[in-house]
Amino acid sequence: GSGGGGASHVHVVCRFRPMDAREAAAGSVAAARLDEESGQVGYGLHEYDQLTFAYDKVFGPGASQEAVYTQTARPIVEDVLAGYNGTVFAYGQTGSGKTHTMEGPDIASPELKGIIPRMVEDIFDAILDADAKYEFTVRVSYFEIYLERLRDLLNPAGADLAIRQDVRRGVYVEGLTEVYVSSVDEVMAIMAEGASNRAVGATQMNAQSSRSHSLLTIEVAAKDTVSLASSTGKLTLIDLAGSEKVSKTGAEGTTFTEAKNINLSLTTLGLVINALTDPSASHIPYRNSKLTRVLSESLGGN
């Protein structure tokens, strides 16, 4: 997320999903202890192999979709409407609940819908509530990064798009479909269309595992019709490919190449986040992967 006048703020929150039926049946026990007050998480069943990490916020298995949204992603909507860029993504192993958190098991359900539908609703609510002197336009694009290639999910013919940079537009994807939208339903329809075009392959970890990163970008332009001042904010919502180790997935051939590319972009993303949060870092390695290059102005920058 951004905020505070466009200052770069990276917030990292940790969410634990409940045990699933298969794990419960196998007699699994939780290997982590979480302190929701302090944001501390301790990993390791034995005292000698314990690791402790501190997060901005920690959500236990009982946390509702709404609580996760209001306490993490909600403030970014205000930033985007004010002309800043913001990014929300879920990171973790396949089956850890990324899609559950980002999209939700039922995007039509008030309780179960995830971060993306809630943010989209809040954007349109804010536009409806805004002063009549403001004119808004909302544009959406949806693409995936698969084997380090960019593929337009709204136009499958756009299969290997190039990333460009210029003074006026900044970093952008050349030839990417952009759709003007005027309602939550239109955005959801675009998501459904894009999802059906996504590269999905089963691994041993998860029958539904997505092998690509998908990026939904919502650009909100506001114009003050009295003063003629204008601003544009961009919200990028990302469903990252699973972060599991190659050895665990039984991956061979194409799947192994997928895993190498996924690991390259996830590693680079981690290095970029580390550099952004380290005051002494002089270089931020955005160019080392397509994912971080596309996100350069949404993670740092504006």
C-alpha atoms as a PDB file:
ATOM      1  CA  GLY A   1       0.000   0.000   0.000  1.00  0.00           C
ATOM      2  CA  SER A   2       0.978   3.654  -0.198  1.00  0.00           C
ATOM      3  CA  GLY A   3      -0.281   6.666   1.671  1.00  0.00           C
ATOM      4  CA  GLY A   4       1.011   9.504   3.779  1.00  0.00           C
ATOM      5  CA  GLY A   5       1.414  11.792   0.795  1.00  0.00           C
ATOM      6  CA  GLY A   6       2.766   9.044  -1.407  1.00  0.00           C
ATOM      7  CA  ALA A   7       5.465   7.893   1.004  1.00  0.00           C
ATOM      8  CA  SER A   8       6.445   4.314   0.306  1.00  0.00           C
ATOM      9  CA  HIS A   9       4.828   2.089   2.904  1.00  0.00           C
ATOM     10  CA  VAL A  10       5.004  -1.648   2.738  1.00  0.00           C
ATOM     11  CA  HIS A  11       2.693  -3.441   5.151  1.00  0.00           C
ATOM     12  CA  VAL A  12       3.096  -7.167   5.673  1.00  0.00           C
ATOM     13  CA  VAL A  13       0.302  -9.068   7.363  1.00  0.00           C
ATOM     14  CA  CYS A  14       0.122 -12.769   8.112  1.00  0.00           C
ATOM     15  CA  ARG A  15      -3.092 -14.775   7.933  1.00  0.00           C
ATOM     16  CA  PHE A  16      -3.478 -18.350   9.132  1.00  0.00           C
ATOM     17  CA  ARG A  17      -6.096 -20.549   7.542  1.00  0.00           C
ATOM     18  CA  PRO A  18      -7.943 -23.199   9.565  1.00  0.00           C
ATOM     19  CA  MET A  19      -6.852 -26.823   9.185  1.00  0.00           C
ATOM     20  CA  ASP A  20      -8.595 -28.600   6.323  1.00  0.00           C
ATOM     21  CA  ALA A  21     -10.362 -31.946   6.653  1.00  0.00           C
ATOM     22  CA  ARG A  22      -7.446 -33.901   5.193  1.00  0.00           C
ATOM     23  CA  GLU A  23      -4.976 -32.404   7.671  1.00  0.00           C
ATOM     24  CA  ALA A  24      -7.311 -32.927  10.619  1.00  0.00           C
ATOM     25  CA  ALA A  25      -7.879 -36.544   9.605  1.00  0.00           C
ATOM     26  CA  ALA A  26      -4.111 -37.110   9.446  1.00  0.00           C
ATOM     27  CA  GLY A  27      -3.777 -35.863  13.032  1.00  0.00           C
ATOM     28  CA  SER A  28      -1.790 -32.732  12.106  1.00  0.00           C
ATOM     29  CA  VAL A  29      -0.984 -30.150  14.761  1.00  0.00           C
ATOM     30  CA  ALA A  30      -0.309 -26.430  14.332  1.00  0.00           C
ATOM     31  CA  ALA A  31       3.413 -25.693  14.021  1.00  0.00           C
ATOM     32  CA  ALA A  32       3.016 -21.984  14.742  1.00  0.00           C
ATOM     33  CA  ARG A  33       1.982 -19.863  17.679  1.00  0.00           C
ATOM     34  CA  LEU A  34       0.556 -16.448  16.936  1.00  0.00           C
ATOM     35  CA  ASP A  35       0.072 -13.459  19.161  1.00  0.00           C
ATOM     36  CA  GLU A  36      -2.587 -11.315  17.516  1.00  0.00           C
ATOM     37  CA  GLU A  37      -1.905  -8.424  19.903  1.00  0.00           C
ATOM     38  CA  SER A  38       1.815  -8.040  19.196  1.00  0.00           C
ATOM     39  CA  GLY A  39       1.842  -9.334  15.616  1.00  0.00           C
ATOM     40  CA  GLN A  40       4.463 -11.937  16.579  1.00  0.00           C
ATOM     41  CA  VAL A  41       4.473 -15.417  15.079  1.00  0.00           C
ATOM     42  CA  GLY A  42       6.658 -18.240  16.404  1.00  0.00           C
ATOM     43  CA  TYR A  43       7.341 -21.227  14.166  1.00  0.00           C
ATOM     44  CA  GLY A  44       8.689 -24.653  15.134  1.00  0.00           C
ATOM     45  CA  LEU A  45       7.329 -27.424  17.330  1.00  0.00           C
ATOM     46  CA  HIS A  46      10.563 -27.881  19.282  1.00  0.00           C
ATOM     47  CA  GLU A  47      12.230 -25.256  21.418  1.00  0.00           C
ATOM     48  CA  TYR A  48      15.565 -25.672  19.636  1.00  0.00           C
ATOM     49  CA  ASP A  49      14.234 -24.907  16.139  1.00  0.00           C
ATOM     50  CA  GLN A  50      11.976 -21.980  16.877  1.00  0.00           C
ATOM     51  CA  LEU A  51      11.946 -18.895  14.700  1.00  0.00           C
ATOM     52  CA  THR A  52      10.000 -15.753  15.522  1.00  0.00           C
ATOM     53  CA  PHE A  53       8.805 -13.161  13.020  1.00  0.00           C
ATOM     54  CA  ALA A  54       7.043  -9.854  13.571  1.00  0.00           C
ATOM     55  CA  TYR A  55       4.333  -8.639  11.198  1.00  0.00           C
ATOM     56  CA  ASP A  56       2.350  -5.412  10.962  1.00  0.00           C
ATOM     57  CA  LYS A  57      -0.698  -7.508  11.796  1.00  0.00           C
ATOM     58  CA  VAL A  58      -1.533 -11.160  12.368  1.00  0.00           C
ATOM     59  CA  PHE A  59      -4.903 -12.801  11.682  1.00  0.00           C
ATOM     60  CA  GLY A  60      -5.789 -16.137  13.266  1.00  0.00           C
ATOM     61  CA  PRO A  61      -7.833 -18.908  11.614  1.00  0.00           C
ATOM     62  CA  GLY A  62     -11.067 -17.383  12.931  1.00  0.00           C
ATOM     63  CA  ALA A  63     -10.585 -13.963  11.289  1.00  0.00           C
ATOM     64  CA  SER A  64     -13.433 -12.954   8.994  1.00  0.00           C
ATOM     65  CA  GLN A  65     -12.947 -11.871   5.381  1.00  0.00           C
ATOM     66  CA  GLU A  66     -14.285  -8.448   6.375  1.00  0.00           C
ATOM     67  CA  ALA A  67     -11.807  -7.998   9.244  1.00  0.00           C
ATOM     68  CA  VAL A  68      -8.887  -8.899   6.988  1.00  0.00           C
ATOM     69  CA  TYR A  69     -10.100  -6.407   4.379  1.00  0.00           C
ATOM     70  CA  THR A  70     -10.848  -3.431   6.623  1.00  0.00           C
ATOM     71  CA  GLN A  71      -7.568  -3.725   8.502  1.00  0.00           C
ATOM     72  CA  THR A  72      -5.289  -4.255   5.507  1.00  0.00           C
ATOM     73  CA  ALA A  73      -6.560  -3.178   2.104  1.00  0.00           C
ATOM     74  CA  ARG A  74      -9.301  -0.652   2.870  1.00  0.00           C
ATOM     75  CA  PRO A  75      -6.999   2.384   3.391  1.00  0.00           C
ATOM     76  CA  ILE A  76      -5.410   1.851  -0.040  1.00  0.00           C
ATOM     77  CA  VAL A  77      -8.748   2.642  -1.744  1.00  0.00           C
ATOM     78  CA  GLU A  78      -8.549   6.191  -0.370  1.00  0.00           C
ATOM     79  CA  ASP A  79      -4.971   6.521  -1.645  1.00  0.00           C
ATOM     80  CA  VAL A  80      -5.943   5.424  -5.161  1.00  0.00           C
ATOM     81  CA  LEU A  81      -8.842   7.886  -5.264  1.00  0.00           C
ATOM     82  CA  ALA A  82      -6.387  10.598  -4.191  1.00  0.00           C
ATOM     83  CA  GLY A  83      -4.094   9.795  -7.140  1.00  0.00           C
ATOM     84  CA  TYR A  84      -1.552   7.425  -5.598  1.00  0.00           C
ATOM     85  CA  ASN A  85      -0.675   3.924  -6.770  1.00  0.00           C
ATOM     86  CA  GLY A  86      -1.291   0.945  -4.530  1.00  0.00           C
ATOM     87  CA  THR A  87      -0.700  -2.778  -4.714  1.00  0.00           C
ATOM     88  CA  VAL A  88      -2.190  -5.690  -2.811  1.00  0.00           C
ATOM     89  CA  PHE A  89      -0.936  -9.226  -3.235  1.00  0.00           C
ATOM     90  CA  ALA A  90      -1.101 -12.526  -1.422  1.00  0.00           C
ATOM     91  CA  TYR A  91       2.055 -14.619  -1.125  1.00  0.00           C
ATOM     92  CA  GLY A  92       2.334 -18.200   0.023  1.00  0.00           C
ATOM     93  CA  GLN A  93       2.390 -21.839  -0.836  1.00  0.00           C
ATOM     94  CA  THR A  94      -0.319 -23.388  -2.995  1.00  0.00           C
ATOM     95  CA  GLY A  95      -3.267 -24.241  -0.762  1.00  0.00           C
ATOM     96  CA  SER A  96      -2.417 -21.638   1.875  1.00  0.00           C
ATOM     97  CA  GLY A  97      -5.446 -19.491   1.075  1.00  0.00           C
ATOM     98  CA  LYS A  98      -4.220 -16.819  -1.362  1.00  0.00           C
ATOM     99  CA  THR A  99      -7.195 -17.013  -3.701  1.00  0.00           C
ATOM    100  CA  HIS A 100      -9.575 -17.398  -0.740  1.00  0.00           C
ATOM    101  CA  THR A 101      -8.203 -14.129   0.670  1.00  0.00           C
ATOM    102  CA  MET A 102      -7.950 -12.178  -2.587  1.00  0.00           C
ATOM    103  CA  GLU A 103     -11.135 -13.307  -4.373  1.00  0.00           C
ATOM    104  CA  GLY A 104     -13.040 -15.325  -1.807  1.00  0.00           C
ATOM    105  CA  PRO A 105     -14.849 -18.646  -2.236  1.00  0.00           C
ATOM    106  CA  ASP A 106     -17.992 -16.755  -3.318  1.00  0.00           C
ATOM    107  CA  ILE A 107     -17.620 -13.220  -4.661  1.00  0.00           C
ATOM    108  CA  ALA A 108     -21.385 -12.675  -4.395  1.00  0.00           C
ATOM    109  CA  SER A 109     -21.526 -13.514  -0.684  1.00  0.00           C
ATOM    110  CA  PRO A 110     -21.357 -10.554   1.739  1.00  0.00           C
ATOM    111  CA  GLU A 111     -19.442 -12.703   4.254  1.00  0.00           C
ATOM    112  CA  LEU A 112     -17.242 -14.807   1.980  1.00  0.00           C
ATOM    113  CA  LYS A 113     -16.143 -12.382  -0.735  1.00  0.00           C
ATOM    114  CA  GLY A 114     -12.476 -11.487  -0.581  1.00  0.00           C
ATOM    115  CA  ILE A 115     -10.345  -8.370  -0.875  1.00  0.00           C
ATOM    116  CA  ILE A 116     -10.753  -7.753  -4.625  1.00  0.00           C
ATOM    117  CA  PRO A 117     -14.568  -7.568  -4.761  1.00  0.00           C
ATOM    118  CA  ARG A 118     -14.609  -5.454  -1.585  1.00  0.00           C
ATOM    119  CA  MET A 119     -12.085  -2.966  -2.967  1.00  0.00           C
ATOM    120  CA  VAL A 120     -13.950  -2.666  -6.253  1.00  0.00           C
ATOM    121  CA  GLU A 121     -17.228  -2.013  -4.406  1.00  0.00           C
ATOM    122  CA  ASP A 122     -15.584   0.622  -2.220  1.00  0.00           C
ATOM    123  CA  ILE A 123     -14.093   2.402  -5.250  1.00  0.00           C
ATOM    124  CA  PHE A 124     -17.497   2.726  -6.936  1.00  0.00           C
ATOM    125  CA  ASP A 125     -19.186   3.691  -3.643  1.00  0.00           C
ATOM    126  CA  ALA A 126     -16.611   6.462  -3.137  1.00  0.00           C
ATOM    127  CA  ILE A 127     -17.144   7.725  -6.707  1.00  0.00           C
ATOM    128  CA  LEU A 128     -20.922   7.856  -6.150  1.00  0.00           C
ATOM    129  CA  ASP A 129     -20.397   9.736  -2.872  1.00  0.00           C
ATOM    130  CA  ALA A 130     -17.893  12.237  -4.298  1.00  0.00           C
ATOM    131  CA  ASP A 131     -18.655  15.928  -4.849  1.00  0.00           C
ATOM    132  CA  ALA A 132     -20.581  16.515  -8.105  1.00  0.00           C
ATOM    133  CA  LYS A 133     -17.765  18.695  -9.505  1.00  0.00           C
ATOM    134  CA  TYR A 134     -15.547  15.603  -9.965  1.00  0.00           C
ATOM    135  CA  GLU A 135     -15.666  13.511 -13.105  1.00  0.00           C
ATOM    136  CA  PHE A 136     -14.317   9.978 -12.815  1.00  0.00           C
ATOM    137  CA  THR A 137     -13.241   7.393 -15.340  1.00  0.00           C
ATOM    138  CA  VAL A 138     -12.320   3.840 -14.355  1.00  0.00           C
ATOM    139  CA  ARG A 139     -10.322   1.548 -16.636  1.00  0.00           C
ATOM    140  CA  VAL A 140      -9.481  -2.083 -16.040  1.00  0.00           C
ATOM    141  CA  SER A 141      -6.854  -4.375 -17.523  1.00  0.00           C
ATOM    142  CA  TYR A 142      -6.102  -7.992 -16.637  1.00  0.00           C
ATOM    143  CA  PHE A 143      -3.031  -9.945 -17.626  1.00  0.00           C
ATOM    144  CA  GLU A 144      -0.888 -12.814 -16.475  1.00  0.00           C
ATOM    145  CA  ILE A 145       2.829 -13.460 -16.346  1.00  0.00           C
ATOM    146  CA  TYR A 146       3.558 -17.035 -17.353  1.00  0.00           C
ATOM    147  CA  LEU A 147       7.100 -18.313 -18.092  1.00  0.00           C
ATOM    148  CA  GLU A 148       8.254 -14.644 -17.952  1.00  0.00           C
ATOM    149  CA  ARG A 149       5.863 -13.758 -20.782  1.00  0.00           C
ATOM    150  CA  LEU A 150       3.020 -11.277 -20.456  1.00  0.00           C
ATOM    151  CA  ARG A 151      -0.320 -12.510 -21.736  1.00  0.00           C
ATOM    152  CA  ASP A 152      -3.463 -10.379 -22.045  1.00  0.00           C
ATOM    153  CA  LEU A 153      -6.283 -12.224 -20.283  1.00  0.00           C
ATOM    154  CA  LEU A 154      -8.899 -10.104 -22.064  1.00  0.00           C
ATOM    155  CA  ASN A 155      -7.444 -10.810 -25.510  1.00  0.00           C
ATOM    156  CA  PRO A 156      -5.714 -14.200 -25.628  1.00  0.00           C
ATOM    157  CA  ALA A 157      -4.172 -13.236 -29.000  1.00  0.00           C
ATOM    158  CA  GLY A 158      -1.933 -10.816 -27.054  1.00  0.00           C
ATOM    159  CA  ALA A 159       0.417 -13.562 -25.936  1.00  0.00           C
ATOM    160  CA  ASP A 160       3.865 -11.981 -25.519  1.00  0.00           C
ATOM    161  CA  LEU A 161       3.427  -8.292 -24.749  1.00  0.00           C
ATOM    162  CA  ALA A 162       6.348  -5.940 -24.182  1.00  0.00           C
ATOM    163  CA  ILE A 163       6.933  -3.691 -21.178  1.00  0.00           C
ATOM    164  CA  ARG A 164       7.704  -0.114 -22.210  1.00  0.00           C
ATOM    165  CA  GLN A 165       8.589   3.075 -20.399  1.00  0.00           C
ATOM    166  CA  ASP A 166       8.143   6.701 -21.384  1.00  0.00           C
ATOM    167  CA  VAL A 167       8.039  10.062 -19.662  1.00  0.00           C
ATOM    168  CA  ARG A 168       4.279  10.565 -19.949  1.00  0.00           C
ATOM    169  CA  ARG A 169       2.944   7.081 -19.228  1.00  0.00           C
ATOM    170  CA  GLY A 170       5.742   5.762 -17.042  1.00  0.00           C
ATOM    171  CA  VAL A 171       6.052   1.969 -17.124  1.00  0.00           C
ATOM    172  CA  TYR A 172       3.280   0.301 -19.122  1.00  0.00           C
ATOM    173  CA  VAL A 173       2.444  -2.871 -21.045  1.00  0.00           C
ATOM    174  CA  GLU A 174       2.274  -2.198 -24.761  1.00  0.00           C
ATOM    175  CA  GLY A 175      -0.905  -3.269 -26.561  1.00  0.00           C
ATOM    176  CA  LEU A 176      -2.712  -4.345 -23.395  1.00  0.00           C
ATOM    177  CA  THR A 177      -6.525  -4.288 -23.562  1.00  0.00           C
ATOM    178  CA  GLU A 178      -8.012  -1.584 -21.332  1.00  0.00           C
ATOM    179  CA  VAL A 179     -11.745  -1.627 -20.689  1.00  0.00           C
ATOM    180  CA  TYR A 180     -13.742   1.336 -19.385  1.00  0.00           C
ATOM    181  CA  VAL A 181     -16.091   0.216 -16.626  1.00  0.00           C
ATOM    182  CA  SER A 182     -18.931   1.867 -14.752  1.00  0.00           C
ATOM    183  CA  SER A 183     -20.018  -0.723 -12.188  1.00  0.00           C
ATOM    184  CA  VAL A 184     -18.854  -3.473  -9.850  1.00  0.00           C
ATOM    185  CA  ASP A 185     -20.665  -6.051 -12.002  1.00  0.00           C
ATOM    186  CA  GLU A 186     -18.681  -5.046 -15.091  1.00  0.00           C
ATOM    187  CA  VAL A 187     -15.397  -5.510 -13.222  1.00  0.00           C
ATOM    188  CA  MET A 188     -16.536  -8.914 -11.924  1.00  0.00           C
ATOM    189  CA  ALA A 189     -17.505  -9.967 -15.460  1.00  0.00           C
ATOM    190  CA  ILE A 190     -14.026  -8.993 -16.671  1.00  0.00           C
ATOM    191  CA  MET A 191     -12.463 -11.017 -13.849  1.00  0.00           C
ATOM    192  CA  ALA A 192     -14.566 -14.044 -14.771  1.00  0.00           C
ATOM    193  CA  GLU A 193     -13.565 -13.727 -18.430  1.00  0.00           C
ATOM    194  CA  GLY A 194      -9.887 -13.385 -17.532  1.00  0.00           C
ATOM    195  CA  ALA A 195      -9.982 -16.276 -15.074  1.00  0.00           C
ATOM    196  CA  SER A 196     -11.277 -18.624 -17.767  1.00  0.00           C
ATOM    197  CA  ASN A 197      -8.267 -17.679 -19.925  1.00  0.00           C
ATOM    198  CA  ARG A 198      -5.680 -18.274 -17.200  1.00  0.00           C
ATOM    199  CA  ALA A 199      -2.975 -20.924 -17.394  1.00  0.00           C
ATOM    200  CA  VAL A 200      -3.965 -23.430 -14.752  1.00  0.00           C
ATOM    201  CA  GLY A 201      -2.146 -26.723 -14.207  1.00  0.00           C
ATOM    202  CA  ALA A 202      -2.418 -29.318 -11.487  1.00  0.00           C
ATOM    203  CA  THR A 203       0.599 -30.054  -9.307  1.00  0.00           C
ATOM    204  CA  GLN A 204       0.900 -32.600  -6.525  1.00  0.00           C
ATOM    205  CA  MET A 205       0.375 -29.756  -4.045  1.00  0.00           C
ATOM    206  CA  ASN A 206      -3.025 -28.702  -5.323  1.00  0.00           C
ATOM    207  CA  ALA A 207      -5.370 -29.792  -8.097  1.00  0.00           C
ATOM    208  CA  GLN A 208      -6.310 -26.178  -8.870  1.00  0.00           C
ATOM    209  CA  SER A 209      -2.862 -24.643  -8.579  1.00  0.00           C
ATOM    210  CA  SER A 210      -2.320 -21.600 -10.779  1.00  0.00           C
ATOM    211  CA  ARG A 211       1.068 -21.568 -12.433  1.00  0.00           C
ATOM    212  CA  SER A 212       0.902 -17.929 -13.455  1.00  0.00           C
ATOM    213  CA  HIS A 213       0.796 -14.604 -11.646  1.00  0.00           C
ATOM    214  CA  SER A 214      -2.361 -12.689 -12.578  1.00  0.00           C
ATOM    215  CA  LEU A 215      -2.515  -8.899 -12.295  1.00  0.00           C
ATOM    216  CA  LEU A 216      -5.774  -6.973 -12.303  1.00  0.00           C
ATOM    217  CA  THR A 217      -5.184  -3.230 -12.679  1.00  0.00           C
ATOM    218  CA  ILE A 218      -7.876  -0.675 -11.902  1.00  0.00           C
ATOM    219  CA  GLU A 219      -6.989   2.875 -12.934  1.00  0.00           C
ATOM    220  CA  VAL A 220      -9.103   5.660 -11.462  1.00  0.00           C
ATOM    221  CA  ALA A 221      -8.814   9.093 -13.098  1.00  0.00           C
ATOM    222  CA  ALA A 222     -10.460  12.056 -11.367  1.00  0.00           C
ATOM    223  CA  LYS A 223     -10.961  15.500 -12.897  1.00  0.00           C
ATOM    224  CA  ASP A 224     -12.140  18.576 -11.043  1.00  0.00           C
ATOM    225  CA  THR A 225     -14.440  20.232 -13.603  1.00  0.00           C
ATOM    226  CA  VAL A 226     -14.119  23.602 -11.847  1.00  0.00           C
ATOM    227  CA  SER A 227     -10.342  23.961 -11.388  1.00  0.00           C
ATOM    228  CA  LEU A 228      -9.525  21.440 -14.188  1.00  0.00           C
ATOM    229  CA  ALA A 229      -6.996  19.744 -11.905  1.00  0.00           C
ATOM    230  CA  SER A 230      -6.757  16.009 -12.483  1.00  0.00           C
ATOM    231  CA  SER A 231      -5.192  12.968 -10.866  1.00  0.00           C
ATOM    232  CA  THR A 232      -4.810   9.288 -11.685  1.00  0.00           C
ATOM    233  CA  GLY A 233      -4.374   6.487  -9.190  1.00  0.00           C
ATOM    234  CA  LYS A 234      -3.695   2.891 -10.057  1.00  0.00           C
ATOM    235  CA  LEU A 235      -4.645  -0.112  -7.965  1.00  0.00           C
ATOM    236  CA  THR A 236      -2.987  -3.429  -8.805  1.00  0.00           C
ATOM    237  CA  LEU A 237      -4.468  -6.596  -7.315  1.00  0.00           C
ATOM    238  CA  ILE A 238      -2.332  -9.678  -7.721  1.00  0.00           C
ATOM    239  CA  ASP A 239      -2.868 -13.391  -7.412  1.00  0.00           C
ATOM    240  CA  LEU A 240       0.673 -14.765  -7.259  1.00  0.00           C
ATOM    241  CA  ALA A 241       1.574 -18.275  -8.364  1.00  0.00           C
ATOM    242  CA  GLY A 242       2.291 -20.726  -5.540  1.00  0.00           C
ATOM    243  CA  SER A 243       5.662 -20.311  -3.825  1.00  0.00           C
ATOM    244  CA  GLU A 244       6.335 -23.992  -3.111  1.00  0.00           C
ATOM    245  CA  LYS A 245       9.725 -25.566  -3.651  1.00  0.00           C
ATOM    246  CA  VAL A 246      10.219 -27.446  -6.919  1.00  0.00           C
ATOM    247  CA  SER A 247      11.136 -30.669  -5.058  1.00  0.00           C
ATOM    248  CA  LYS A 248       7.733 -30.799  -3.333  1.00  0.00           C
ATOM    249  CA  THR A 249       5.630 -30.471  -6.465  1.00  0.00           C
ATOM    250  CA  GLY A 250       6.953 -33.471  -8.413  1.00  0.00           C
ATOM    251  CA  ALA A 251       7.526 -31.012 -11.231  1.00  0.00           C
ATOM    252  CA  GLU A 252       9.218 -32.150 -14.421  1.00  0.00           C
ATOM    253  CA  GLY A 253       9.632 -30.722 -17.928  1.00  0.00           C
ATOM    254  CA  THR A 254       7.319 -27.752 -18.502  1.00  0.00           C
ATOM    255  CA  THR A 255       6.260 -27.733 -14.870  1.00  0.00           C
ATOM    256  CA  PHE A 256       9.879 -27.505 -13.779  1.00  0.00           C
ATOM    257  CA  THR A 257      10.453 -24.553 -16.141  1.00  0.00           C
ATOM    258  CA  GLU A 258       7.291 -22.952 -14.699  1.00  0.00           C
ATOM    259  CA  ALA A 259       8.607 -23.392 -11.170  1.00  0.00           C
ATOM    260  CA  LYS A 260      11.993 -21.857 -12.073  1.00  0.00           C
ATOM    261  CA  ASN A 261      10.268 -18.797 -13.566  1.00  0.00           C
ATOM    262  CA  ILE A 262       7.851 -18.510 -10.641  1.00  0.00           C
ATOM    263  CA  ASN A 263      10.753 -18.716  -8.186  1.00  0.00           C
ATOM    264  CA  LEU A 264      12.752 -16.105 -10.130  1.00  0.00           C
ATOM    265  CA  SER A 265       9.940 -13.567  -9.947  1.00  0.00           C
ATOM    266  CA  LEU A 266       9.021 -14.341  -6.327  1.00  0.00           C
ATOM    267  CA  THR A 267      12.684 -14.102  -5.261  1.00  0.00           C
ATOM    268  CA  THR A 268      13.065 -10.782  -7.068  1.00  0.00           C
ATOM    269  CA  LEU A 269       9.825  -9.524  -5.524  1.00  0.00           C
ATOM    270  CA  GLY A 270      11.240 -10.368  -2.084  1.00  0.00           C
ATOM    271  CA  LEU A 271      14.507  -8.572  -2.848  1.00  0.00           C
ATOM    272  CA  VAL A 272      12.612  -5.503  -4.083  1.00  0.00           C
ATOM    273  CA  ILE A 273      10.418  -5.397  -0.942  1.00  0.00           C
ATOM    274  CA  ASN A 274      13.524  -5.780   1.245  1.00  0.00           C
ATOM    275  CA  ALA A 275      15.293  -2.961  -0.590  1.00  0.00           C
ATOM    276  CA  LEU A 276      12.222  -0.704  -0.296  1.00  0.00           C
ATOM    277  CA  THR A 277      12.074  -1.243   3.465  1.00  0.00           C
ATOM    278  CA  ASP A 278      15.834  -0.817   4.012  1.00  0.00           C
ATOM    279  CA  PRO A 279      16.756   2.884   4.357  1.00  0.00           C
ATOM    280  CA  SER A 280      20.373   2.147   3.398  1.00  0.00           C
ATOM    281  CA  ALA A 281      19.563   0.296   0.143  1.00  0.00           C
ATOM    282  CA  SER A 282      20.864   2.236  -2.839  1.00  0.00           C
ATOM    283  CA  HIS A 283      19.604  -0.078  -5.597  1.00  0.00           C
ATOM    284  CA  ILE A 284      16.164  -1.635  -6.039  1.00  0.00           C
ATOM    285  CA  PRO A 285      16.341  -4.556  -8.533  1.00  0.00           C
ATOM    286  CA  TYR A 286      13.042  -3.914 -10.360  1.00  0.00           C
ATOM    287  CA  ARG A 287      14.446  -4.977 -13.719  1.00  0.00           C
ATOM    288  CA  ASN A 288      15.372  -8.498 -12.646  1.00  0.00           C
ATOM    289  CA  SER A 289      11.904  -9.915 -13.395  1.00  0.00           C
ATOM    290  CA  LYS A 290       8.862  -8.968 -15.470  1.00  0.00           C
ATOM    291  CA  LEU A 291       6.681  -8.961 -12.348  1.00  0.00           C
ATOM    292  CA  THR A 292       8.772  -6.397 -10.466  1.00  0.00           C
ATOM    293  CA  ARG A 293       9.347  -4.281 -13.588  1.00  0.00           C
ATOM    294  CA  VAL A 294       5.595  -3.969 -14.186  1.00  0.00           C
ATOM    295  CA  LEU A 295       5.055  -3.163 -10.501  1.00  0.00           C
ATOM    296  CA  SER A 296       7.929  -0.679 -10.150  1.00  0.00           C
ATOM    297  CA  GLU A 297       5.670   2.386  -9.937  1.00  0.00           C
ATOM    298  CA  SER A 298       3.165   0.664  -7.682  1.00  0.00           C
ATOM    299  CA  LEU A 299       5.635  -0.682  -5.100  1.00  0.00           C
ATOM    300  CA  GLY A 300       7.928   2.371  -5.006  1.00  0.00           C
ATOM    301  CA  GLY A 301       7.530   5.573  -7.009  1.00  0.00           C
ATOM    302  CA  ASN A 302       4.065   7.124  -6.766  1.00  0.00           C
END
